[in-house]
Amino acid sequence: MLETELPDLCADRLDYTFQDPAEKKINGAAAKKLLKKLRVYKNRFVFADRASAEGFGRLYLKLNQLVWCNPKQVTLFVLLAQALKIGLEKNIISKKDLFTDDQTVRNKLQAAKNPEIAEKFRLMKNLRIKIVPKNQVLGCSKTKIRIVDPGFLKNGKLIRLSAIDQDYKNKIAAFKKWAKNGFCVKILNK
């Protein structure tokens, strides 16, 4: 139950869904309501009813779109990874530092006054991007496709949300197609 194959729910997926800072902006009260409807059925996490399965499925899809697979967020992750890589290669930070807190690592990177790292932070500060065709950039990104299809109990039987909610099924199919194709971005703030 800690980790399961997609599209099943597991403790890890539940944790990062409800712990994500963006989730709190979406609706923290709704998240608590969903948690109260969570059940364990035959060693699987499921919801007590269709409404809660729909609520979680749509929340998860929204977080995919706003955070985990959002082109701007992915670009921020890439820029940060590049800054960390430079910091490690130039011995500004150590692998041990990566197990401290974010602010400690950031302070070390900025205190070094390395121009390459400073440029990555400058770009991250007010990042503006544009989705462009592949031939206009050096590289494109594909993100990990995270789709859940929550189950819920009805008359003692387990039912998957996509089996009875065509709108949800269509939305996850469209999202999978978009994410599979990836995207190319151009950073506009130079």
N, C-alpha and C. Protein backbone atom coordinates (compact mmCIF):
# COMPACT_ATOMS: atom_id res chain seq x y z
N MET A 1 0.82 -1.20 0.00
CA MET A 1 0.00 0.00 0.00
C MET A 1 0.86 1.26 0.00
N LEU A 2 2.14 1.10 0.38
CA LEU A 2 3.03 2.25 0.36
C LEU A 2 3.27 2.71 -1.07
N GLU A 3 3.57 1.77 -1.96
CA GLU A 3 3.78 2.07 -3.38
C GLU A 3 3.03 1.01 -4.18
N THR A 4 2.28 1.45 -5.18
CA THR A 4 1.57 0.53 -6.07
C THR A 4 1.72 1.04 -7.49
N GLU A 5 1.35 0.21 -8.43
CA GLU A 5 1.39 0.61 -9.84
C GLU A 5 0.28 1.62 -10.12
N LEU A 6 0.58 2.55 -11.02
CA LEU A 6 -0.45 3.47 -11.49
C LEU A 6 -1.46 2.66 -12.29
N PRO A 7 -2.72 2.94 -12.23
CA PRO A 7 -3.38 4.13 -11.70
C PRO A 7 -3.92 3.98 -10.28
N ASP A 8 -3.45 2.95 -9.54
CA ASP A 8 -3.95 2.75 -8.18
C ASP A 8 -3.43 3.82 -7.22
N LEU A 9 -4.18 4.01 -6.15
CA LEU A 9 -3.75 4.91 -5.09
C LEU A 9 -2.76 4.18 -4.20
N CYS A 10 -1.85 4.93 -3.61
CA CYS A 10 -0.93 4.37 -2.62
C CYS A 10 -0.60 5.47 -1.62
N ALA A 11 0.05 5.10 -0.54
CA ALA A 11 0.37 6.07 0.52
C ALA A 11 1.22 7.21 -0.03
N ASP A 12 2.18 6.89 -0.88
CA ASP A 12 3.06 7.91 -1.44
C ASP A 12 2.27 8.93 -2.26
N ARG A 13 1.39 8.46 -3.14
CA ARG A 13 0.60 9.38 -3.97
C ARG A 13 -0.35 10.22 -3.12
N LEU A 14 -0.94 9.60 -2.13
CA LEU A 14 -1.82 10.36 -1.24
C LEU A 14 -1.03 11.43 -0.50
N ASP A 15 0.15 11.06 -0.02
CA ASP A 15 0.98 11.99 0.74
C ASP A 15 1.37 13.19 -0.10
N TYR A 16 1.96 12.97 -1.29
CA TYR A 16 2.40 14.15 -2.03
C TYR A 16 1.24 14.95 -2.60
N THR A 17 0.09 14.33 -2.77
CA THR A 17 -1.08 15.10 -3.22
C THR A 17 -1.55 16.05 -2.12
N PHE A 18 -1.67 15.54 -0.91
CA PHE A 18 -2.19 16.37 0.16
C PHE A 18 -1.13 17.27 0.79
N GLN A 19 0.14 16.94 0.60
CA GLN A 19 1.22 17.77 1.18
C GLN A 19 1.68 18.86 0.23
N ASP A 20 1.34 18.78 -1.05
CA ASP A 20 1.84 19.75 -2.02
C ASP A 20 1.35 21.15 -1.66
N PRO A 21 2.27 22.13 -1.65
CA PRO A 21 1.86 23.50 -1.33
C PRO A 21 0.76 24.03 -2.24
N ALA A 22 0.76 23.61 -3.50
CA ALA A 22 -0.28 24.08 -4.43
C ALA A 22 -1.65 23.56 -4.02
N GLU A 23 -1.69 22.37 -3.41
CA GLU A 23 -2.97 21.80 -2.99
C GLU A 23 -3.65 22.71 -1.99
N LYS A 24 -2.88 23.32 -1.12
CA LYS A 24 -3.46 24.19 -0.10
C LYS A 24 -4.13 25.40 -0.74
N LYS A 25 -3.62 25.84 -1.87
CA LYS A 25 -4.24 26.95 -2.60
C LYS A 25 -5.52 26.49 -3.28
N ILE A 26 -5.57 25.21 -3.64
CA ILE A 26 -6.75 24.70 -4.33
C ILE A 26 -7.92 24.63 -3.36
N ASN A 27 -7.76 23.95 -2.24
CA ASN A 27 -8.81 23.91 -1.23
C ASN A 27 -8.45 22.90 -0.14
N GLY A 28 -7.85 23.37 0.92
CA GLY A 28 -7.43 22.51 2.02
C GLY A 28 -8.58 21.81 2.72
N ALA A 29 -9.72 22.48 2.83
CA ALA A 29 -10.88 21.87 3.50
C ALA A 29 -11.39 20.68 2.70
N ALA A 30 -11.38 20.80 1.39
CA ALA A 30 -11.82 19.69 0.54
C ALA A 30 -10.89 18.49 0.69
N ALA A 31 -9.60 18.76 0.84
CA ALA A 31 -8.63 17.67 1.01
C ALA A 31 -8.93 16.90 2.30
N LYS A 32 -9.21 17.60 3.37
CA LYS A 32 -9.52 16.94 4.65
C LYS A 32 -10.80 16.10 4.53
N LYS A 33 -11.76 16.63 3.80
CA LYS A 33 -13.02 15.91 3.59
C LYS A 33 -12.76 14.61 2.83
N LEU A 34 -11.88 14.68 1.82
CA LEU A 34 -11.54 13.49 1.05
C LEU A 34 -10.85 12.44 1.91
N LEU A 35 -9.94 12.88 2.75
CA LEU A 35 -9.22 11.94 3.62
C LEU A 35 -10.17 11.17 4.53
N LYS A 36 -11.23 11.83 4.97
CA LYS A 36 -12.21 11.17 5.83
C LYS A 36 -12.96 10.06 5.10
N LYS A 37 -12.99 10.14 3.77
CA LYS A 37 -13.70 9.15 2.96
C LYS A 37 -12.79 8.04 2.44
N LEU A 38 -11.52 8.09 2.81
CA LEU A 38 -10.56 7.08 2.37
C LEU A 38 -10.76 5.78 3.15
N ARG A 39 -10.73 4.66 2.44
CA ARG A 39 -10.91 3.35 3.05
C ARG A 39 -9.82 2.41 2.55
N VAL A 40 -9.66 1.29 3.26
CA VAL A 40 -8.80 0.21 2.79
C VAL A 40 -9.71 -0.96 2.46
N TYR A 41 -9.61 -1.44 1.23
CA TYR A 41 -10.43 -2.54 0.76
C TYR A 41 -9.52 -3.54 0.05
N LYS A 42 -9.42 -4.74 0.57
CA LYS A 42 -8.55 -5.79 0.00
C LYS A 42 -7.14 -5.27 -0.24
N ASN A 43 -6.58 -4.65 0.79
CA ASN A 43 -5.21 -4.12 0.76
C ASN A 43 -5.00 -3.01 -0.26
N ARG A 44 -6.05 -2.27 -0.57
CA ARG A 44 -5.95 -1.16 -1.51
C ARG A 44 -6.66 0.05 -0.92
N PHE A 45 -6.11 1.24 -1.23
CA PHE A 45 -6.80 2.46 -0.85
C PHE A 45 -7.91 2.72 -1.85
N VAL A 46 -9.10 2.96 -1.34
CA VAL A 46 -10.26 3.29 -2.16
C VAL A 46 -11.05 4.36 -1.41
N PHE A 47 -12.05 4.88 -2.08
CA PHE A 47 -12.92 5.86 -1.43
C PHE A 47 -14.27 5.24 -1.09
N ALA A 48 -14.92 5.83 -0.12
CA ALA A 48 -16.19 5.30 0.37
C ALA A 48 -17.32 5.52 -0.63
N ASP A 49 -17.16 6.51 -1.51
CA ASP A 49 -18.23 6.81 -2.45
C ASP A 49 -17.68 7.46 -3.73
N ARG A 50 -18.55 7.54 -4.71
CA ARG A 50 -18.17 8.09 -6.02
C ARG A 50 -17.74 9.55 -5.91
N ALA A 51 -18.46 10.34 -5.13
CA ALA A 51 -18.15 11.78 -5.03
C ALA A 51 -16.72 12.01 -4.54
N SER A 52 -16.29 11.23 -3.55
CA SER A 52 -14.92 11.42 -3.05
C SER A 52 -13.89 10.91 -4.06
N ALA A 53 -14.18 9.82 -4.76
CA ALA A 53 -13.27 9.34 -5.81
C ALA A 53 -13.13 10.40 -6.90
N GLU A 54 -14.26 11.00 -7.29
CA GLU A 54 -14.23 12.08 -8.29
C GLU A 54 -13.43 13.27 -7.78
N GLY A 55 -13.67 13.64 -6.54
CA GLY A 55 -12.96 14.78 -5.96
C GLY A 55 -11.46 14.57 -5.95
N PHE A 56 -11.02 13.38 -5.54
CA PHE A 56 -9.59 13.11 -5.52
C PHE A 56 -9.02 13.02 -6.93
N GLY A 57 -9.71 12.32 -7.81
CA GLY A 57 -9.23 12.19 -9.19
C GLY A 57 -9.05 13.54 -9.86
N ARG A 58 -10.00 14.42 -9.67
CA ARG A 58 -9.92 15.75 -10.28
C ARG A 58 -8.85 16.62 -9.60
N LEU A 59 -8.68 16.48 -8.29
CA LEU A 59 -7.62 17.20 -7.58
C LEU A 59 -6.26 16.75 -8.10
N TYR A 60 -6.07 15.46 -8.24
CA TYR A 60 -4.81 14.90 -8.71
C TYR A 60 -4.51 15.39 -10.13
N LEU A 61 -5.52 15.37 -10.98
CA LEU A 61 -5.35 15.85 -12.35
C LEU A 61 -5.00 17.34 -12.37
N LYS A 62 -5.65 18.10 -11.50
CA LYS A 62 -5.37 19.54 -11.42
C LYS A 62 -3.93 19.80 -10.97
N LEU A 63 -3.45 19.04 -9.99
CA LEU A 63 -2.06 19.19 -9.55
C LEU A 63 -1.08 18.79 -10.65
N ASN A 64 -1.43 17.78 -11.43
CA ASN A 64 -0.62 17.42 -12.59
C ASN A 64 -0.49 18.62 -13.52
N GLN A 65 -1.62 19.26 -13.80
CA GLN A 65 -1.64 20.37 -14.75
C GLN A 65 -0.99 21.63 -14.18
N LEU A 66 -1.19 21.91 -12.90
CA LEU A 66 -0.67 23.14 -12.30
C LEU A 66 0.76 23.04 -11.80
N VAL A 67 1.18 21.83 -11.40
CA VAL A 67 2.48 21.70 -10.75
C VAL A 67 3.36 20.66 -11.42
N TRP A 68 3.05 19.39 -11.24
CA TRP A 68 3.98 18.33 -11.58
C TRP A 68 4.34 18.27 -13.05
N CYS A 69 3.41 18.60 -13.93
CA CYS A 69 3.67 18.53 -15.38
C CYS A 69 3.49 19.89 -16.05
N ASN A 70 3.38 20.94 -15.28
CA ASN A 70 3.21 22.28 -15.83
C ASN A 70 4.52 22.73 -16.47
N PRO A 71 4.48 23.20 -17.73
CA PRO A 71 5.72 23.61 -18.40
C PRO A 71 6.55 24.63 -17.62
N LYS A 72 5.91 25.59 -16.98
CA LYS A 72 6.67 26.59 -16.22
C LYS A 72 7.35 25.93 -15.01
N GLN A 73 6.61 25.10 -14.30
CA GLN A 73 7.18 24.42 -13.13
C GLN A 73 8.31 23.48 -13.54
N VAL A 74 8.11 22.76 -14.63
CA VAL A 74 9.16 21.85 -15.10
C VAL A 74 10.41 22.64 -15.47
N THR A 75 10.23 23.80 -16.10
CA THR A 75 11.37 24.65 -16.45
C THR A 75 12.09 25.13 -15.19
N LEU A 76 11.32 25.48 -14.16
CA LEU A 76 11.94 25.87 -12.88
C LEU A 76 12.74 24.70 -12.29
N PHE A 77 12.17 23.49 -12.35
CA PHE A 77 12.89 22.32 -11.84
C PHE A 77 14.19 22.11 -12.61
N VAL A 78 14.14 22.27 -13.93
CA VAL A 78 15.34 22.08 -14.77
C VAL A 78 16.40 23.12 -14.42
N LEU A 79 16.00 24.39 -14.29
CA LEU A 79 16.96 25.45 -13.95
C LEU A 79 17.59 25.20 -12.58
N LEU A 80 16.77 24.78 -11.62
CA LEU A 80 17.30 24.48 -10.29
C LEU A 80 18.27 23.29 -10.35
N ALA A 81 17.89 22.26 -11.10
CA ALA A 81 18.78 21.10 -11.24
C ALA A 81 20.11 21.51 -11.87
N GLN A 82 20.06 22.41 -12.85
CA GLN A 82 21.30 22.90 -13.47
C GLN A 82 22.15 23.66 -12.47
N ALA A 83 21.52 24.50 -11.66
CA ALA A 83 22.27 25.25 -10.63
C ALA A 83 22.90 24.30 -9.62
N LEU A 84 22.15 23.29 -9.19
CA LEU A 84 22.68 22.31 -8.24
C LEU A 84 23.84 21.53 -8.85
N LYS A 85 23.70 21.15 -10.11
CA LYS A 85 24.78 20.41 -10.78
C LYS A 85 26.06 21.24 -10.85
N ILE A 86 25.93 22.51 -11.21
CA ILE A 86 27.10 23.40 -11.26
C ILE A 86 27.71 23.50 -9.87
N GLY A 87 26.85 23.70 -8.87
CA GLY A 87 27.33 23.80 -7.49
C GLY A 87 28.09 22.57 -7.04
N LEU A 88 27.60 21.40 -7.40
CA LEU A 88 28.28 20.15 -7.05
C LEU A 88 29.61 20.01 -7.81
N GLU A 89 29.57 20.30 -9.10
CA GLU A 89 30.78 20.17 -9.92
C GLU A 89 31.89 21.12 -9.48
N LYS A 90 31.52 22.30 -9.00
CA LYS A 90 32.51 23.30 -8.60
C LYS A 90 32.78 23.27 -7.10
N ASN A 91 32.28 22.23 -6.42
CA ASN A 91 32.46 22.04 -4.98
C ASN A 91 31.96 23.22 -4.15
N ILE A 92 30.93 23.88 -4.64
CA ILE A 92 30.29 24.96 -3.88
C ILE A 92 29.37 24.34 -2.83
N ILE A 93 28.74 23.25 -3.22
CA ILE A 93 27.93 22.45 -2.30
C ILE A 93 28.40 21.01 -2.41
N SER A 94 28.04 20.22 -1.41
CA SER A 94 28.39 18.79 -1.41
C SER A 94 27.10 17.97 -1.48
N LYS A 95 27.24 16.70 -1.76
CA LYS A 95 26.07 15.83 -1.75
C LYS A 95 25.42 15.83 -0.36
N LYS A 96 26.24 15.95 0.66
CA LYS A 96 25.73 16.00 2.03
C LYS A 96 24.81 17.21 2.22
N ASP A 97 25.16 18.34 1.59
CA ASP A 97 24.34 19.54 1.69
C ASP A 97 22.92 19.31 1.16
N LEU A 98 22.79 18.42 0.19
CA LEU A 98 21.48 18.16 -0.40
C LEU A 98 20.51 17.53 0.59
N PHE A 99 21.04 17.03 1.70
CA PHE A 99 20.20 16.42 2.72
C PHE A 99 19.92 17.38 3.88
N THR A 100 20.31 18.65 3.70
CA THR A 100 19.96 19.68 4.68
C THR A 100 18.66 20.32 4.21
N ASP A 101 18.42 21.57 4.55
CA ASP A 101 17.20 22.23 4.10
C ASP A 101 17.46 23.10 2.87
N ASP A 102 16.38 23.47 2.20
CA ASP A 102 16.46 24.26 0.97
C ASP A 102 17.23 25.56 1.16
N GLN A 103 16.93 26.26 2.25
CA GLN A 103 17.54 27.57 2.46
C GLN A 103 19.06 27.47 2.64
N THR A 104 19.53 26.44 3.32
CA THR A 104 20.97 26.25 3.50
C THR A 104 21.66 26.07 2.15
N VAL A 105 21.09 25.24 1.31
CA VAL A 105 21.67 24.99 -0.02
C VAL A 105 21.63 26.27 -0.85
N ARG A 106 20.50 26.93 -0.84
CA ARG A 106 20.36 28.18 -1.60
C ARG A 106 21.38 29.22 -1.13
N ASN A 107 21.53 29.38 0.17
CA ASN A 107 22.49 30.36 0.71
C ASN A 107 23.91 30.05 0.24
N LYS A 108 24.29 28.78 0.28
CA LYS A 108 25.63 28.40 -0.17
C LYS A 108 25.82 28.70 -1.66
N LEU A 109 24.82 28.36 -2.45
CA LEU A 109 24.93 28.61 -3.89
C LEU A 109 25.04 30.10 -4.19
N GLN A 110 24.23 30.91 -3.53
CA GLN A 110 24.26 32.35 -3.79
C GLN A 110 25.51 33.01 -3.22
N ALA A 111 25.98 32.55 -2.08
CA ALA A 111 27.17 33.14 -1.46
C ALA A 111 28.42 32.94 -2.31
N ALA A 112 28.43 31.90 -3.13
CA ALA A 112 29.60 31.62 -3.97
C ALA A 112 29.77 32.64 -5.09
N LYS A 113 28.71 33.36 -5.40
CA LYS A 113 28.73 34.38 -6.46
C LYS A 113 29.26 33.83 -7.79
N ASN A 114 28.91 32.58 -8.07
CA ASN A 114 29.27 31.96 -9.34
C ASN A 114 28.34 32.52 -10.42
N PRO A 115 28.88 33.07 -11.52
CA PRO A 115 28.03 33.70 -12.54
C PRO A 115 27.04 32.74 -13.20
N GLU A 116 27.43 31.48 -13.40
CA GLU A 116 26.50 30.52 -14.02
C GLU A 116 25.32 30.23 -13.10
N ILE A 117 25.61 30.06 -11.83
CA ILE A 117 24.54 29.80 -10.86
C ILE A 117 23.67 31.04 -10.69
N ALA A 118 24.30 32.20 -10.62
CA ALA A 118 23.56 33.46 -10.49
C ALA A 118 22.59 33.64 -11.65
N GLU A 119 23.02 33.25 -12.85
CA GLU A 119 22.15 33.36 -14.04
C GLU A 119 20.94 32.44 -13.92
N LYS A 120 21.14 31.24 -13.42
CA LYS A 120 20.01 30.30 -13.24
C LYS A 120 19.00 30.88 -12.24
N PHE A 121 19.50 31.44 -11.13
CA PHE A 121 18.60 32.04 -10.14
C PHE A 121 17.90 33.28 -10.70
N ARG A 122 18.60 34.05 -11.52
CA ARG A 122 17.99 35.24 -12.13
C ARG A 122 16.84 34.82 -13.04
N LEU A 123 17.06 33.78 -13.83
CA LEU A 123 16.00 33.30 -14.72
C LEU A 123 14.81 32.76 -13.92
N MET A 124 15.08 32.09 -12.81
CA MET A 124 14.00 31.51 -12.00
C MET A 124 13.16 32.58 -11.32
N LYS A 125 13.77 33.73 -11.02
CA LYS A 125 13.10 34.74 -10.20
C LYS A 125 11.74 35.16 -10.76
N ASN A 126 11.68 35.57 -11.99
CA ASN A 126 10.41 35.97 -12.61
C ASN A 126 10.27 35.26 -13.95
N LEU A 127 10.34 33.95 -13.90
CA LEU A 127 10.37 33.15 -15.12
C LEU A 127 9.14 33.39 -15.99
N ARG A 128 9.42 33.67 -17.23
CA ARG A 128 8.37 33.77 -18.25
C ARG A 128 8.78 32.84 -19.39
N ILE A 129 7.85 32.00 -19.80
CA ILE A 129 8.14 31.05 -20.87
C ILE A 129 7.07 31.11 -21.95
N LYS A 130 7.40 30.50 -23.06
CA LYS A 130 6.44 30.37 -24.15
C LYS A 130 6.62 28.97 -24.72
N ILE A 131 5.51 28.29 -24.97
CA ILE A 131 5.56 26.99 -25.63
C ILE A 131 5.84 27.25 -27.11
N VAL A 132 6.85 26.58 -27.63
CA VAL A 132 7.27 26.82 -29.02
C VAL A 132 7.49 25.48 -29.73
N PRO A 133 7.54 25.52 -31.07
CA PRO A 133 7.85 24.30 -31.82
C PRO A 133 9.27 23.81 -31.52
N LYS A 134 9.48 22.55 -31.71
CA LYS A 134 10.75 21.89 -31.40
C LYS A 134 11.94 22.55 -32.08
N ASN A 135 11.76 23.05 -33.29
CA ASN A 135 12.88 23.62 -34.05
C ASN A 135 13.33 24.99 -33.54
N GLN A 136 12.65 25.54 -32.54
CA GLN A 136 13.01 26.86 -32.02
C GLN A 136 13.81 26.80 -30.71
N VAL A 137 14.09 25.60 -30.23
CA VAL A 137 14.83 25.46 -28.96
C VAL A 137 15.86 24.35 -29.07
N LEU A 138 16.77 24.33 -28.10
CA LEU A 138 17.80 23.29 -28.08
C LEU A 138 17.29 21.96 -27.52
N GLY A 139 16.29 22.03 -26.66
CA GLY A 139 15.78 20.80 -26.05
C GLY A 139 14.34 20.94 -25.62
N CYS A 140 13.71 19.82 -25.45
CA CYS A 140 12.31 19.78 -25.01
C CYS A 140 12.22 18.87 -23.79
N SER A 141 11.08 18.93 -23.11
CA SER A 141 10.91 18.14 -21.89
C SER A 141 9.70 17.22 -22.01
N LYS A 142 9.84 16.08 -21.40
CA LYS A 142 8.70 15.19 -21.18
C LYS A 142 8.66 14.96 -19.68
N THR A 143 7.47 14.92 -19.16
CA THR A 143 7.35 14.72 -17.72
C THR A 143 6.82 13.32 -17.43
N LYS A 144 7.01 12.92 -16.21
CA LYS A 144 6.49 11.63 -15.77
C LYS A 144 4.97 11.72 -15.77
N ILE A 145 4.34 10.77 -16.41
CA ILE A 145 2.88 10.77 -16.47
C ILE A 145 2.35 10.11 -15.20
N ARG A 146 1.65 10.91 -14.42
CA ARG A 146 1.08 10.41 -13.16
C ARG A 146 -0.44 10.52 -13.27
N ILE A 147 -1.07 9.44 -13.49
CA ILE A 147 -2.53 9.44 -13.58
C ILE A 147 -3.05 8.45 -12.55
N VAL A 148 -4.04 8.86 -11.80
CA VAL A 148 -4.71 7.92 -10.90
C VAL A 148 -6.14 7.73 -11.39
N ASP A 149 -6.63 6.56 -11.14
CA ASP A 149 -8.02 6.22 -11.46
C ASP A 149 -8.61 5.62 -10.19
N PRO A 150 -9.04 6.50 -9.28
CA PRO A 150 -9.46 6.03 -7.97
C PRO A 150 -10.63 5.06 -8.03
N GLY A 151 -10.58 4.12 -7.12
CA GLY A 151 -11.70 3.21 -6.97
C GLY A 151 -12.58 3.68 -5.83
N PHE A 152 -13.83 3.24 -5.88
CA PHE A 152 -14.75 3.55 -4.78
C PHE A 152 -15.66 2.35 -4.58
N LEU A 153 -16.24 2.30 -3.41
CA LEU A 153 -17.12 1.18 -3.07
C LEU A 153 -18.57 1.53 -3.32
N LYS A 154 -19.25 0.60 -3.97
CA LYS A 154 -20.69 0.75 -4.18
C LYS A 154 -21.31 -0.63 -3.96
N ASN A 155 -22.18 -0.71 -2.98
CA ASN A 155 -22.81 -1.98 -2.62
C ASN A 155 -21.78 -3.09 -2.40
N GLY A 156 -20.68 -2.73 -1.74
CA GLY A 156 -19.65 -3.70 -1.41
C GLY A 156 -18.73 -4.09 -2.56
N LYS A 157 -18.90 -3.46 -3.71
CA LYS A 157 -18.06 -3.78 -4.87
C LYS A 157 -17.17 -2.59 -5.21
N LEU A 158 -15.96 -2.91 -5.70
CA LEU A 158 -15.01 -1.89 -6.09
C LEU A 158 -15.27 -1.47 -7.53
N ILE A 159 -15.39 -0.16 -7.75
CA ILE A 159 -15.62 0.39 -9.09
C ILE A 159 -14.57 1.47 -9.34
N ARG A 160 -13.96 1.44 -10.52
CA ARG A 160 -13.02 2.49 -10.92
C ARG A 160 -13.80 3.69 -11.43
N LEU A 161 -13.30 4.87 -11.10
CA LEU A 161 -13.96 6.10 -11.51
C LEU A 161 -14.14 6.16 -13.03
N SER A 162 -13.10 5.81 -13.78
CA SER A 162 -13.18 5.91 -15.25
C SER A 162 -14.22 4.96 -15.85
N ALA A 163 -14.61 3.93 -15.10
CA ALA A 163 -15.60 2.98 -15.61
C ALA A 163 -17.00 3.58 -15.65
N ILE A 164 -17.23 4.64 -14.87
CA ILE A 164 -18.58 5.22 -14.83
C ILE A 164 -18.60 6.72 -15.10
N ASP A 165 -17.43 7.33 -15.24
CA ASP A 165 -17.36 8.78 -15.46
C ASP A 165 -16.62 9.05 -16.78
N GLN A 166 -17.37 9.16 -17.86
CA GLN A 166 -16.78 9.34 -19.19
C GLN A 166 -15.99 10.65 -19.28
N ASP A 167 -16.46 11.69 -18.62
CA ASP A 167 -15.75 12.98 -18.64
C ASP A 167 -14.35 12.82 -18.02
N TYR A 168 -14.27 12.14 -16.89
CA TYR A 168 -12.97 11.91 -16.25
C TYR A 168 -12.08 11.05 -17.15
N LYS A 169 -12.66 10.00 -17.71
CA LYS A 169 -11.90 9.12 -18.61
C LYS A 169 -11.33 9.92 -19.78
N ASN A 170 -12.14 10.81 -20.37
CA ASN A 170 -11.68 11.64 -21.49
C ASN A 170 -10.58 12.60 -21.07
N LYS A 171 -10.73 13.19 -19.89
CA LYS A 171 -9.72 14.15 -19.41
C LYS A 171 -8.38 13.48 -19.15
N ILE A 172 -8.40 12.29 -18.56
CA ILE A 172 -7.12 11.63 -18.31
C ILE A 172 -6.50 11.14 -19.62
N ALA A 173 -7.32 10.75 -20.59
CA ALA A 173 -6.79 10.33 -21.89
C ALA A 173 -6.13 11.53 -22.59
N ALA A 174 -6.79 12.68 -22.55
CA ALA A 174 -6.23 13.89 -23.18
C ALA A 174 -4.94 14.32 -22.48
N PHE A 175 -4.92 14.22 -21.16
CA PHE A 175 -3.72 14.60 -20.42
C PHE A 175 -2.56 13.66 -20.74
N LYS A 176 -2.84 12.35 -20.79
CA LYS A 176 -1.80 11.37 -21.13
C LYS A 176 -1.21 11.67 -22.50
N LYS A 177 -2.07 11.99 -23.45
CA LYS A 177 -1.60 12.29 -24.81
C LYS A 177 -0.71 13.52 -24.80
N TRP A 178 -1.15 14.58 -24.11
CA TRP A 178 -0.36 15.81 -24.03
C TRP A 178 0.99 15.54 -23.37
N ALA A 179 0.98 14.85 -22.24
CA ALA A 179 2.22 14.60 -21.49
C ALA A 179 3.16 13.68 -22.27
N LYS A 180 2.61 12.71 -22.98
CA LYS A 180 3.44 11.79 -23.77
C LYS A 180 4.19 12.54 -24.86
N ASN A 181 3.55 13.53 -25.46
CA ASN A 181 4.18 14.32 -26.53
C ASN A 181 5.25 15.26 -25.99
N GLY A 182 5.15 15.62 -24.73
CA GLY A 182 6.11 16.55 -24.15
C GLY A 182 5.86 17.97 -24.65
N PHE A 183 6.78 18.86 -24.32
CA PHE A 183 6.63 20.25 -24.72
C PHE A 183 8.00 20.89 -24.83
N CYS A 184 8.05 21.94 -25.63
CA CYS A 184 9.28 22.70 -25.82
C CYS A 184 9.00 24.12 -25.35
N VAL A 185 9.91 24.66 -24.55
CA VAL A 185 9.71 26.01 -24.04
C VAL A 185 10.88 26.90 -24.41
N LYS A 186 10.55 28.15 -24.55
CA LYS A 186 11.56 29.19 -24.76
C LYS A 186 11.45 30.12 -23.56
N ILE A 187 12.58 30.41 -22.94
CA ILE A 187 12.59 31.34 -21.81
C ILE A 187 12.59 32.75 -22.37
N LEU A 188 11.60 33.53 -21.96
CA LEU A 188 11.44 34.88 -22.51
C LEU A 188 12.19 35.94 -21.73
N ASN A 189 12.36 35.76 -20.42
CA ASN A 189 13.04 36.80 -19.63
C ASN A 189 14.55 36.66 -19.77
N LYS A 190 15.11 37.46 -20.64
CA LYS A 190 16.57 37.42 -20.88
C LYS A 190 17.26 38.53 -20.22
